[in-house]
PDB file of N, CA and C in Angstrom:
ATOM      1  N   MET A   1      92.625  75.607  66.520  1.00  0.00           N
ATOM      2  CA  MET A   1      93.809  76.383  66.822  1.00  0.00           C
ATOM      3  C   MET A   1      92.848  77.807  67.570  1.00  0.00           C
ATOM      4  N   LYS A   2      93.005  78.501  68.569  1.00  0.00           N
ATOM      5  CA  LYS A   2      92.692  79.598  68.670  1.00  0.00           C
ATOM      6  C   LYS A   2      93.330  80.499  68.008  1.00  0.00           C
ATOM      7  N   ASP A   3      92.834  81.453  67.706  1.00  0.00           N
ATOM      8  CA  ASP A   3      93.518  82.840  66.972  1.00  0.00           C
ATOM      9  C   ASP A   3      94.409  83.993  68.525  1.00  0.00           C
ATOM     10  N   LYS A   4      95.123  84.267  67.924  1.00  0.00           N
ATOM     11  CA  LYS A   4      95.993  85.323  69.310  1.00  0.00           C
ATOM     12  C   LYS A   4      95.098  86.476  68.989  1.00  0.00           C
ATOM     13  N   ALA A   5      94.759  87.023  70.576  1.00  0.00           N
ATOM     14  CA  ALA A   5      93.672  88.004  70.951  1.00  0.00           C
ATOM     15  C   ALA A   5      94.899  89.182  70.348  1.00  0.00           C
ATOM     16  N   GLN A   6      94.139  90.238  70.196  1.00  0.00           N
ATOM     17  CA  GLN A   6      94.755  91.639  69.628  1.00  0.00           C
ATOM     18  C   GLN A   6      94.566  92.556  70.429  1.00  0.00           C
ATOM     19  N   HIS A   7      95.400  92.829  71.746  1.00  0.00           N
ATOM     20  CA  HIS A   7      95.014  93.362  72.874  1.00  0.00           C
ATOM     21  C   HIS A   7      95.797  94.719  72.354  1.00  0.00           C
ATOM     22  N   ALA A   8      95.167  96.045  73.385  1.00  0.00           N
ATOM     23  CA  ALA A   8      96.131  97.418  72.949  1.00  0.00           C
ATOM     24  C   ALA A   8      97.692  97.292  73.575  1.00  0.00           C
ATOM     25  N   VAL A   9      98.808  97.378  73.217  1.00  0.00           N
ATOM     26  CA  VAL A   9      99.625  97.702  73.600  1.00  0.00           C
ATOM     27  C   VAL A   9     100.407  99.296  74.321  1.00  0.00           C
ATOM     28  N   VAL A  10      99.612  99.771  73.760  1.00  0.00           N
ATOM     29  CA  VAL A  10      99.925 101.630  73.837  1.00  0.00           C
ATOM     30  C   VAL A  10      98.630 102.075  74.614  1.00  0.00           C
ATOM     31  N   LEU A  11      99.233 102.749  75.594  1.00  0.00           N
ATOM     32  CA  LEU A  11      97.527 103.430  76.706  1.00  0.00           C
ATOM     33  C   LEU A  11      97.622 104.462  75.632  1.00  0.00           C
ATOM     34  N   ASP A  12      96.074 104.767  74.909  1.00  0.00           N
ATOM     35  CA  ASP A  12      95.446 105.799  75.020  1.00  0.00           C
ATOM     36  C   ASP A  12      94.467 106.212  75.758  1.00  0.00           C
ATOM     37  N   LYS A  13      94.366 107.137  75.147  1.00  0.00           N
ATOM     38  CA  LYS A  13      93.015 109.054  76.494  1.00  0.00           C
ATOM     39  C   LYS A  13      91.916 107.662  76.594  1.00  0.00           C
ATOM     40  N   ALA A  14      91.146 107.209  75.759  1.00  0.00           N
ATOM     41  CA  ALA A  14      90.351 106.788  76.129  1.00  0.00           C
ATOM     42  C   ALA A  14      90.110 105.164  77.070  1.00  0.00           C
ATOM     43  N   THR A  15      91.344 104.185  76.779  1.00  0.00           N
ATOM     44  CA  THR A  15      91.378 103.686  77.543  1.00  0.00           C
ATOM     45  C   THR A  15      92.262 103.762  78.960  1.00  0.00           C
ATOM     46  N   TYR A  16      92.828 104.908  79.369  1.00  0.00           N
ATOM     47  CA  TYR A  16      93.262 105.498  80.985  1.00  0.00           C
ATOM     48  C   TYR A  16      92.103 105.997  81.402  1.00  0.00           C
ATOM     49  N   ASP A  17      91.356 106.676  80.510  1.00  0.00           N
ATOM     50  CA  ASP A  17      89.896 107.523  81.407  1.00  0.00           C
ATOM     51  C   ASP A  17      89.215 106.355  82.040  1.00  0.00           C
ATOM     52  N   ARG A  18      88.857 104.647  80.845  1.00  0.00           N
ATOM     53  CA  ARG A  18      88.253 103.918  81.403  1.00  0.00           C
ATOM     54  C   ARG A  18      89.014 103.524  82.612  1.00  0.00           C
ATOM     55  N   ILE A  19      90.329 103.134  82.686  1.00  0.00           N
ATOM     56  CA  ILE A  19      91.274 102.580  83.990  1.00  0.00           C
ATOM     57  C   ILE A  19      90.208 102.770  85.139  1.00  0.00           C
ATOM     58  N   TYR A  20      90.575 104.260  85.198  1.00  0.00           N
ATOM     59  CA  TYR A  20      90.336 105.029  86.086  1.00  0.00           C
ATOM     60  C   TYR A  20      89.007 105.324  86.408  1.00  0.00           C
ATOM     61  N   LYS A  21      88.014 105.240  85.591  1.00  0.00           N
ATOM     62  CA  LYS A  21      86.648 105.014  86.035  1.00  0.00           C
ATOM     63  C   LYS A  21      86.179 103.478  86.676  1.00  0.00           C
ATOM     64  N   GLU A  22      86.613 102.899  85.686  1.00  0.00           N
ATOM     65  CA  GLU A  22      85.710 101.366  86.073  1.00  0.00           C
ATOM     66  C   GLU A  22      86.510 100.574  86.710  1.00  0.00           C
ATOM     67  N   VAL A  23      87.950 100.780  86.788  1.00  0.00           N
ATOM     68  CA  VAL A  23      88.839  99.628  87.545  1.00  0.00           C
ATOM     69  C   VAL A  23      88.559  99.577  89.245  1.00  0.00           C
ATOM     70  N   PRO A  24      88.136 100.915  89.496  1.00  0.00           N
ATOM     71  CA  PRO A  24      88.316 100.918  90.945  1.00  0.00           C
ATOM     72  C   PRO A  24      86.915 100.106  91.854  1.00  0.00           C
ATOM     73  N   THR A  25      85.844  99.921  90.328  1.00  0.00           N
ATOM     74  CA  THR A  25      84.626  99.683  90.932  1.00  0.00           C
ATOM     75  C   THR A  25      84.389  98.237  90.904  1.00  0.00           C
ATOM     76  N   PHE A  26      85.773  97.529  90.405  1.00  0.00           N
ATOM     77  CA  PHE A  26      85.716  96.126  90.525  1.00  0.00           C
ATOM     78  C   PHE A  26      85.695  95.183  91.838  1.00  0.00           C
ATOM     79  N   LYS A  27      84.947  94.536  92.271  1.00  0.00           N
ATOM     80  CA  LYS A  27      85.196  93.731  93.439  1.00  0.00           C
ATOM     81  C   LYS A  27      86.461  93.454  93.308  1.00  0.00           C
ATOM     82  N   TYR A  28      86.903  92.284  92.155  1.00  0.00           N
ATOM     83  CA  TYR A  28      88.691  92.056  92.525  1.00  0.00           C
ATOM     84  C   TYR A  28      89.249  92.453  91.154  1.00  0.00           C
ATOM     85  N   ILE A  29      90.371  92.738  91.297  1.00  0.00           N
ATOM     86  CA  ILE A  29      90.924  93.317  90.383  1.00  0.00           C
ATOM     87  C   ILE A  29      92.430  92.505  90.036  1.00  0.00           C
ATOM     88  N   SER A  30      92.717  92.131  89.120  1.00  0.00           N
ATOM     89  CA  SER A  30      93.954  91.269  89.001  1.00  0.00           C
ATOM     90  C   SER A  30      94.529  91.712  87.631  1.00  0.00           C
ATOM     91  N   GLN A  31      95.920  91.515  87.060  1.00  0.00           N
ATOM     92  CA  GLN A  31      96.338  91.423  85.860  1.00  0.00           C
ATOM     93  C   GLN A  31      95.837  90.705  84.525  1.00  0.00           C
ATOM     94  N   ALA A  32      95.083  89.399  85.196  1.00  0.00           N
ATOM     95  CA  ALA A  32      94.169  88.885  83.973  1.00  0.00           C
ATOM     96  C   ALA A  32      92.901  89.550  83.641  1.00  0.00           C
ATOM     97  N   ILE A  33      92.439  89.941  85.288  1.00  0.00           N
ATOM     98  CA  ILE A  33      90.758  90.391  85.102  1.00  0.00           C
ATOM     99  C   ILE A  33      90.750  91.508  83.815  1.00  0.00           C
ATOM    100  N   LEU A  34      91.876  92.670  84.249  1.00  0.00           N
ATOM    101  CA  LEU A  34      92.227  93.775  83.415  1.00  0.00           C
ATOM    102  C   LEU A  34      92.409  93.433  82.070  1.00  0.00           C
ATOM    103  N   ILE A  35      93.391  92.339  81.439  1.00  0.00           N
ATOM    104  CA  ILE A  35      93.543  91.460  80.243  1.00  0.00           C
ATOM    105  C   ILE A  35      92.439  91.383  79.670  1.00  0.00           C
ATOM    106  N   GLU A  36      91.562  90.953  80.084  1.00  0.00           N
ATOM    107  CA  GLU A  36      90.367  89.953  79.088  1.00  0.00           C
ATOM    108  C   GLU A  36      89.165  91.568  79.093  1.00  0.00           C
ATOM    109  N   ARG A  37      89.148  92.142  80.339  1.00  0.00           N
ATOM    110  CA  ARG A  37      88.053  93.077  80.799  1.00  0.00           C
ATOM    111  C   ARG A  37      87.858  94.405  79.434  1.00  0.00           C
ATOM    112  N   LEU A  38      89.549  94.695  79.277  1.00  0.00           N
ATOM    113  CA  LEU A  38      89.930  96.061  78.937  1.00  0.00           C
ATOM    114  C   LEU A  38      90.640  96.046  77.599  1.00  0.00           C
ATOM    115  N   LYS A  39      91.090  94.845  77.050  1.00  0.00           N
ATOM    116  CA  LYS A  39      91.618  94.126  76.141  1.00  0.00           C
ATOM    117  C   LYS A  39      93.012  94.901  75.771  1.00  0.00           C
ATOM    118  N   ILE A  40      93.759  95.095  77.343  1.00  0.00           N
ATOM    119  CA  ILE A  40      94.856  95.761  76.849  1.00  0.00           C
ATOM    120  C   ILE A  40      96.080  94.737  77.329  1.00  0.00           C
ATOM    121  N   ASN A  41      97.260  94.681  76.986  1.00  0.00           N
ATOM    122  CA  ASN A  41      98.508  93.444  77.354  1.00  0.00           C
ATOM    123  C   ASN A  41      98.829  93.673  78.921  1.00  0.00           C
ATOM    124  N   GLY A  42      99.306  92.253  79.145  1.00  0.00           N
ATOM    125  CA  GLY A  42      99.935  92.362  80.322  1.00  0.00           C
ATOM    126  C   GLY A  42     100.545  93.205  81.276  1.00  0.00           C
ATOM    127  N   SER A  43     101.722  93.786  80.366  1.00  0.00           N
ATOM    128  CA  SER A  43     102.702  95.042  80.839  1.00  0.00           C
ATOM    129  C   SER A  43     101.632  96.180  81.338  1.00  0.00           C
ATOM    130  N   LEU A  44     100.932  96.383  80.165  1.00  0.00           N
ATOM    131  CA  LEU A  44      99.982  97.606  80.232  1.00  0.00           C
ATOM    132  C   LEU A  44      99.351  97.619  81.508  1.00  0.00           C
ATOM    133  N   ALA A  45      98.528  95.902  81.762  1.00  0.00           N
ATOM    134  CA  ALA A  45      97.510  96.008  82.901  1.00  0.00           C
ATOM    135  C   ALA A  45      98.555  95.834  84.517  1.00  0.00           C
ATOM    136  N   ARG A  46      99.731  95.628  84.460  1.00  0.00           N
ATOM    137  CA  ARG A  46     100.730  95.465  85.762  1.00  0.00           C
ATOM    138  C   ARG A  46     101.039  96.921  86.308  1.00  0.00           C
ATOM    139  N   ILE A  47     101.210  98.084  84.976  1.00  0.00           N
ATOM    140  CA  ILE A  47     101.692  99.151  85.052  1.00  0.00           C
ATOM    141  C   ILE A  47     100.322 100.033  86.253  1.00  0.00           C
ATOM    142  N   ALA A  48      98.905  99.496  84.807  1.00  0.00           N
ATOM    143  CA  ALA A  48      97.759 100.099  85.743  1.00  0.00           C
ATOM    144  C   ALA A  48      97.651  99.843  86.712  1.00  0.00           C
ATOM    145  N   ILE A  49      97.934  98.733  87.456  1.00  0.00           N
ATOM    146  CA  ILE A  49      97.855  98.071  88.967  1.00  0.00           C
ATOM    147  C   ILE A  49      98.427  98.961  90.287  1.00  0.00           C
ATOM    148  N   ARG A  50      99.679  98.875  89.325  1.00  0.00           N
ATOM    149  CA  ARG A  50     100.825  99.867  90.375  1.00  0.00           C
ATOM    150  C   ARG A  50     100.443 100.925  90.372  1.00  0.00           C
ATOM    151  N   GLN A  51      99.969 101.810  89.365  1.00  0.00           N
ATOM    152  CA  GLN A  51      99.599 103.509  89.349  1.00  0.00           C
ATOM    153  C   GLN A  51      98.439 103.537  90.301  1.00  0.00           C
ATOM    154  N   LEU A  52      97.453 102.728  90.518  1.00  0.00           N
ATOM    155  CA  LEU A  52      96.011 102.890  91.079  1.00  0.00           C
ATOM    156  C   LEU A  52      96.418 102.331  92.303  1.00  0.00           C
ATOM    157  N   ALA A  53      97.318 101.338  92.596  1.00  0.00           N
ATOM    158  CA  ALA A  53      97.756 101.448  94.279  1.00  0.00           C
ATOM    159  C   ALA A  53      98.365 102.663  94.752  1.00  0.00           C
ATOM    160  N   LYS A  54      99.463 102.954  93.837  1.00  0.00           N
ATOM    161  CA  LYS A  54     100.248 104.141  94.607  1.00  0.00           C
ATOM    162  C   LYS A  54      99.300 105.414  94.917  1.00  0.00           C
ATOM    163  N   GLU A  55      98.402 105.452  94.043  1.00  0.00           N
ATOM    164  CA  GLU A  55      97.301 106.502  94.181  1.00  0.00           C
ATOM    165  C   GLU A  55      96.288 106.309  95.158  1.00  0.00           C
ATOM    166  N   GLY A  56      96.095 105.103  95.963  1.00  0.00           N
ATOM    167  CA  GLY A  56      95.318 104.836  96.660  1.00  0.00           C
ATOM    168  C   GLY A  56      94.323 104.834  96.193  1.00  0.00           C
ATOM    169  N   HIS A  57      93.432 104.582  94.900  1.00  0.00           N
ATOM    170  CA  HIS A  57      92.508 104.113  94.375  1.00  0.00           C
ATOM    171  C   HIS A  57      91.780 102.323  94.648  1.00  0.00           C
ATOM    172  N   ILE A  58      92.885 101.896  94.892  1.00  0.00           N
ATOM    173  CA  ILE A  58      92.533 100.206  94.856  1.00  0.00           C
ATOM    174  C   ILE A  58      93.696  99.821  96.471  1.00  0.00           C
ATOM    175  N   LYS A  59      93.350  98.633  97.199  1.00  0.00           N
ATOM    176  CA  LYS A  59      93.929  98.264  97.658  1.00  0.00           C
ATOM    177  C   LYS A  59      94.613  96.683  98.009  1.00  0.00           C
ATOM    178  N   LYS A  60      95.696  96.319  98.164  1.00  0.00           N
ATOM    179  CA  LYS A  60      96.250  95.337  97.950  1.00  0.00           C
ATOM    180  C   LYS A  60      95.377  93.827  99.017  1.00  0.00           C
ATOM    181  N   ILE A  61      95.157  92.827  98.652  1.00  0.00           N
ATOM    182  CA  ILE A  61      94.657  91.852  99.027  1.00  0.00           C
ATOM    183  C   ILE A  61      95.379  90.756  99.623  1.00  0.00           C
ATOM    184  N   VAL A  62      95.877  89.821  98.062  1.00  0.00           N
ATOM    185  CA  VAL A  62      96.906  88.730  98.164  1.00  0.00           C
ATOM    186  C   VAL A  62      98.212  89.202  97.252  1.00  0.00           C
ATOM    187  N   HIS A  63      99.119  89.057  98.410  1.00  0.00           N
ATOM    188  CA  HIS A  63     100.432  89.210  97.536  1.00  0.00           C
ATOM    189  C   HIS A  63     101.059  87.786  97.451  1.00  0.00           C
ATOM    190  N   HIS A  64     101.961  87.655  96.016  1.00  0.00           N
ATOM    191  CA  HIS A  64     102.467  86.229  95.819  1.00  0.00           C
ATOM    192  C   HIS A  64     103.082  86.766  94.856  1.00  0.00           C
ATOM    193  N   HIS A  65     104.064  85.961  94.433  1.00  0.00           N
ATOM    194  CA  HIS A  65     105.341  86.258  93.572  1.00  0.00           C
ATOM    195  C   HIS A  65     104.363  86.632  91.982  1.00  0.00           C
ATOM    196  N   ALA A  66     103.933  85.359  91.660  1.00  0.00           N
ATOM    197  CA  ALA A  66     102.987  85.123  90.291  1.00  0.00           C
ATOM    198  C   ALA A  66     101.808  85.984  90.641  1.00  0.00           C
ATOM    199  N   GLN A  67     101.302  86.443  91.439  1.00  0.00           N
ATOM    200  CA  GLN A  67      99.619  86.949  90.994  1.00  0.00           C
ATOM    201  C   GLN A  67      99.595  87.928  91.999  1.00  0.00           C
ATOM    202  N   LEU A  68      98.806  89.618  92.041  1.00  0.00           N
ATOM    203  CA  LEU A  68      98.863  90.284  93.026  1.00  0.00           C
ATOM    204  C   LEU A  68      97.502  90.291  92.786  1.00  0.00           C
ATOM    205  N   ILE A  69      96.388  90.646  93.622  1.00  0.00           N
ATOM    206  CA  ILE A  69      94.860  90.479  93.786  1.00  0.00           C
ATOM    207  C   ILE A  69      94.889  91.527  94.470  1.00  0.00           C
ATOM    208  N   TYR A  70      93.889  92.522  94.025  1.00  0.00           N
ATOM    209  CA  TYR A  70      93.383  94.050  94.636  1.00  0.00           C
ATOM    210  C   TYR A  70      92.220  93.603  94.940  1.00  0.00           C
ATOM    211  N   SER A  71      91.352  94.841  95.798  1.00  0.00           N
ATOM    212  CA  SER A  71      90.236  95.111  95.915  1.00  0.00           C
ATOM    213  C   SER A  71      90.038  96.749  95.870  1.00  0.00           C
ATOM    214  N   ALA A  72      88.667  96.887  95.158  1.00  0.00           N
ATOM    215  CA  ALA A  72      88.619  98.726  95.648  1.00  0.00           C
ATOM    216  C   ALA A  72      88.108  98.945  97.069  1.00  0.00           C
ATOM    217  N   LEU A  73      88.775 100.235  97.082  1.00  0.00           N
ATOM    218  CA  LEU A  73      88.152 100.506  98.521  1.00  0.00           C
ATOM    219  C   LEU A  73      86.922 100.956  98.739  1.00  0.00           C
ATOM    220  N   LYS A  74      86.489 100.542  99.375  1.00  0.00           N
ATOM    221  CA  LYS A  74      85.063 100.828 100.342  1.00  0.00           C
ATOM    222  C   LYS A  74      84.787 102.065 100.363  1.00  0.00           C
TER     223      LYS A  74
END
């Protein structure tokens, strides 16, 4: 049986800095990618994506009710 992952549920300063530094450089950005690479939970990943999009660091590629896919601005 697979062990449950221990992902961060609170955004600390180090994770916040990693989000703003690394995420805009990813080719594709989705909630699942942030969860796996940054080891944060889903709600933090959604909030981070919304904030980066609002500030103009990333742009929306695909909008579906179950999955949002973004890309870095070039």
